[in-house]
N, C-alpha and C. Protein backbone atom coordinates (compact mmCIF):
# COMPACT_ATOMS: atom_id res chain seq x y z
N MET A 1 34.43 -29.18 -43.84
CA MET A 1 34.14 -30.39 -44.62
C MET A 1 35.42 -31.06 -45.09
N THR A 2 36.48 -30.31 -45.32
CA THR A 2 37.70 -30.92 -45.85
C THR A 2 38.34 -31.89 -44.86
N ASP A 3 38.11 -31.71 -43.54
CA ASP A 3 38.66 -32.64 -42.56
C ASP A 3 38.01 -34.01 -42.67
N SER A 4 36.78 -34.08 -43.14
CA SER A 4 36.09 -35.36 -43.23
C SER A 4 36.27 -36.05 -44.57
N LEU A 5 36.97 -35.42 -45.50
CA LEU A 5 37.18 -36.03 -46.81
C LEU A 5 38.16 -37.20 -46.71
N ARG A 6 37.90 -38.23 -47.50
CA ARG A 6 38.84 -39.35 -47.60
C ARG A 6 39.67 -39.14 -48.86
N TRP A 7 40.97 -39.02 -48.69
CA TRP A 7 41.88 -38.68 -49.77
C TRP A 7 42.55 -39.94 -50.32
N THR A 8 42.78 -39.96 -51.63
CA THR A 8 43.44 -41.05 -52.32
C THR A 8 44.59 -40.48 -53.13
N LYS A 9 45.76 -41.10 -53.02
CA LYS A 9 46.91 -40.63 -53.77
C LYS A 9 46.76 -41.01 -55.24
N SER A 10 47.14 -40.12 -56.10
CA SER A 10 47.07 -40.36 -57.54
C SER A 10 47.94 -41.55 -57.94
N SER A 11 47.45 -42.35 -58.87
CA SER A 11 48.24 -43.48 -59.38
C SER A 11 49.41 -42.99 -60.22
N TYR A 12 49.42 -41.72 -60.58
CA TYR A 12 50.52 -41.14 -61.36
C TYR A 12 51.59 -40.53 -60.45
N SER A 13 51.54 -40.82 -59.16
CA SER A 13 52.40 -40.13 -58.20
C SER A 13 53.72 -40.84 -57.92
N ASP A 14 54.05 -41.86 -58.63
CA ASP A 14 55.28 -42.60 -58.36
C ASP A 14 56.45 -41.99 -59.12
N ASN A 15 56.71 -40.70 -58.86
CA ASN A 15 57.79 -40.02 -59.59
C ASN A 15 58.67 -39.20 -58.66
N GLY A 16 59.04 -39.76 -57.53
CA GLY A 16 59.96 -39.08 -56.65
C GLY A 16 59.34 -38.05 -55.73
N GLY A 17 58.11 -38.21 -55.34
CA GLY A 17 57.51 -37.34 -54.35
C GLY A 17 56.63 -36.22 -54.89
N GLN A 18 56.48 -36.09 -56.18
CA GLN A 18 55.60 -35.07 -56.75
C GLN A 18 54.19 -35.65 -56.81
N CYS A 19 53.49 -35.61 -55.68
CA CYS A 19 52.22 -36.33 -55.56
C CYS A 19 51.04 -35.40 -55.34
N ILE A 20 49.92 -35.81 -55.89
CA ILE A 20 48.66 -35.16 -55.56
C ILE A 20 47.71 -36.22 -55.01
N GLU A 21 46.74 -35.76 -54.26
CA GLU A 21 45.67 -36.62 -53.76
C GLU A 21 44.35 -36.01 -54.20
N TRP A 22 43.35 -36.87 -54.29
CA TRP A 22 42.01 -36.39 -54.61
C TRP A 22 41.01 -37.10 -53.73
N ALA A 23 39.81 -36.55 -53.68
CA ALA A 23 38.75 -37.08 -52.81
C ALA A 23 37.65 -37.69 -53.70
N PRO A 24 37.83 -38.97 -54.09
CA PRO A 24 36.89 -39.57 -55.04
C PRO A 24 35.45 -39.70 -54.55
N GLU A 25 35.26 -39.97 -53.27
CA GLU A 25 33.88 -40.09 -52.75
C GLU A 25 33.17 -38.74 -52.82
N HIS A 26 33.89 -37.67 -52.52
CA HIS A 26 33.31 -36.34 -52.61
C HIS A 26 32.94 -36.03 -54.07
N ALA A 27 33.82 -36.40 -54.99
CA ALA A 27 33.56 -36.16 -56.41
C ALA A 27 32.31 -36.92 -56.87
N ALA A 28 32.20 -38.16 -56.45
CA ALA A 28 31.04 -38.96 -56.85
C ALA A 28 29.74 -38.38 -56.29
N ALA A 29 29.80 -37.86 -55.08
CA ALA A 29 28.59 -37.34 -54.43
C ALA A 29 28.20 -35.95 -54.91
N THR A 30 29.19 -35.13 -55.29
CA THR A 30 28.90 -33.72 -55.57
C THR A 30 29.23 -33.26 -56.99
N GLY A 31 30.09 -34.03 -57.68
CA GLY A 31 30.56 -33.59 -59.00
C GLY A 31 31.71 -32.60 -58.92
N GLU A 32 32.16 -32.28 -57.71
CA GLU A 32 33.28 -31.37 -57.49
C GLU A 32 34.53 -32.21 -57.17
N PHE A 33 35.57 -32.01 -57.95
CA PHE A 33 36.80 -32.78 -57.80
C PHE A 33 37.82 -31.98 -57.01
N LYS A 34 38.03 -32.38 -55.75
CA LYS A 34 38.99 -31.67 -54.90
C LYS A 34 40.33 -32.38 -54.97
N ILE A 35 41.41 -31.58 -55.12
CA ILE A 35 42.76 -32.13 -55.15
C ILE A 35 43.65 -31.31 -54.23
N ARG A 36 44.73 -31.95 -53.74
CA ARG A 36 45.69 -31.27 -52.88
C ARG A 36 47.06 -31.91 -53.03
N ASP A 37 48.07 -31.22 -52.55
CA ASP A 37 49.44 -31.72 -52.54
C ASP A 37 49.56 -32.70 -51.37
N SER A 38 49.98 -33.93 -51.65
CA SER A 38 50.06 -34.93 -50.60
C SER A 38 51.11 -34.59 -49.54
N LYS A 39 52.09 -33.78 -49.88
CA LYS A 39 53.12 -33.39 -48.93
C LYS A 39 52.65 -32.28 -47.99
N ASP A 40 51.54 -31.65 -48.30
CA ASP A 40 51.02 -30.53 -47.50
C ASP A 40 49.52 -30.72 -47.28
N PRO A 41 49.13 -31.72 -46.47
CA PRO A 41 47.70 -32.02 -46.32
C PRO A 41 46.88 -30.90 -45.70
N HIS A 42 47.52 -29.93 -45.07
CA HIS A 42 46.78 -28.81 -44.49
C HIS A 42 46.88 -27.57 -45.36
N GLY A 43 47.47 -27.72 -46.53
CA GLY A 43 47.62 -26.60 -47.45
C GLY A 43 46.37 -26.39 -48.30
N PRO A 44 46.53 -25.63 -49.37
CA PRO A 44 45.38 -25.31 -50.21
C PRO A 44 44.79 -26.53 -50.93
N ILE A 45 43.52 -26.43 -51.19
CA ILE A 45 42.79 -27.47 -51.93
C ILE A 45 42.18 -26.83 -53.16
N LEU A 46 42.39 -27.45 -54.30
CA LEU A 46 41.77 -26.98 -55.53
C LEU A 46 40.47 -27.72 -55.75
N ALA A 47 39.45 -27.02 -56.17
CA ALA A 47 38.16 -27.62 -56.52
C ALA A 47 37.99 -27.48 -58.03
N LEU A 48 37.91 -28.62 -58.71
CA LEU A 48 37.84 -28.64 -60.17
C LEU A 48 36.50 -29.20 -60.64
N THR A 49 36.12 -28.79 -61.83
CA THR A 49 34.96 -29.40 -62.48
C THR A 49 35.40 -30.76 -63.04
N ARG A 50 34.44 -31.54 -63.45
CA ARG A 50 34.74 -32.85 -64.05
C ARG A 50 35.65 -32.68 -65.27
N GLY A 51 35.35 -31.70 -66.12
CA GLY A 51 36.15 -31.48 -67.32
C GLY A 51 37.57 -31.03 -67.00
N ALA A 52 37.72 -30.16 -66.01
CA ALA A 52 39.06 -29.71 -65.62
C ALA A 52 39.87 -30.85 -65.02
N PHE A 53 39.22 -31.69 -64.23
CA PHE A 53 39.92 -32.84 -63.65
C PHE A 53 40.34 -33.82 -64.74
N ALA A 54 39.46 -34.06 -65.69
CA ALA A 54 39.81 -34.94 -66.81
C ALA A 54 40.99 -34.37 -67.60
N GLY A 55 41.02 -33.05 -67.77
CA GLY A 55 42.14 -32.42 -68.46
C GLY A 55 43.44 -32.58 -67.68
N LEU A 56 43.39 -32.48 -66.37
CA LEU A 56 44.56 -32.67 -65.53
C LEU A 56 45.09 -34.10 -65.64
N VAL A 57 44.19 -35.08 -65.60
CA VAL A 57 44.58 -36.48 -65.74
C VAL A 57 45.21 -36.71 -67.12
N GLU A 58 44.61 -36.16 -68.15
CA GLU A 58 45.16 -36.31 -69.50
C GLU A 58 46.55 -35.68 -69.60
N PHE A 59 46.72 -34.52 -69.02
CA PHE A 59 48.03 -33.86 -69.01
C PHE A 59 49.07 -34.76 -68.31
N ALA A 60 48.69 -35.33 -67.15
CA ALA A 60 49.62 -36.19 -66.40
C ALA A 60 50.00 -37.42 -67.22
N ARG A 61 49.07 -37.97 -67.96
CA ARG A 61 49.37 -39.14 -68.79
C ARG A 61 50.43 -38.83 -69.84
N HIS A 62 50.36 -37.65 -70.42
CA HIS A 62 51.24 -37.31 -71.53
C HIS A 62 52.52 -36.60 -71.12
N HIS A 63 52.55 -36.04 -69.91
CA HIS A 63 53.71 -35.25 -69.50
C HIS A 63 54.31 -35.72 -68.19
N GLY A 64 53.85 -36.85 -67.68
CA GLY A 64 54.34 -37.33 -66.39
C GLY A 64 55.53 -38.13 -66.51
C-alpha cells in the first residue's frame, strides 16, 4: 500500500534538507498519519495517530 500513497513534503521542511513527507489522503481516509524521511523514500515509515501527528506538528512549530 505504501507504493500507492501520495506524499506531500512538510511546509516546515525549508531548513537545509531536514525534510519529512506525509500522506494526507491516506490520513483523511483512515485516520492513520504516515510520515517518512523525504531523503529516503524507500526507508521506514512511521504511522502516527491524529494526536501524535498534531504533537509532532506543534513540536516543529516551536523548535524548527
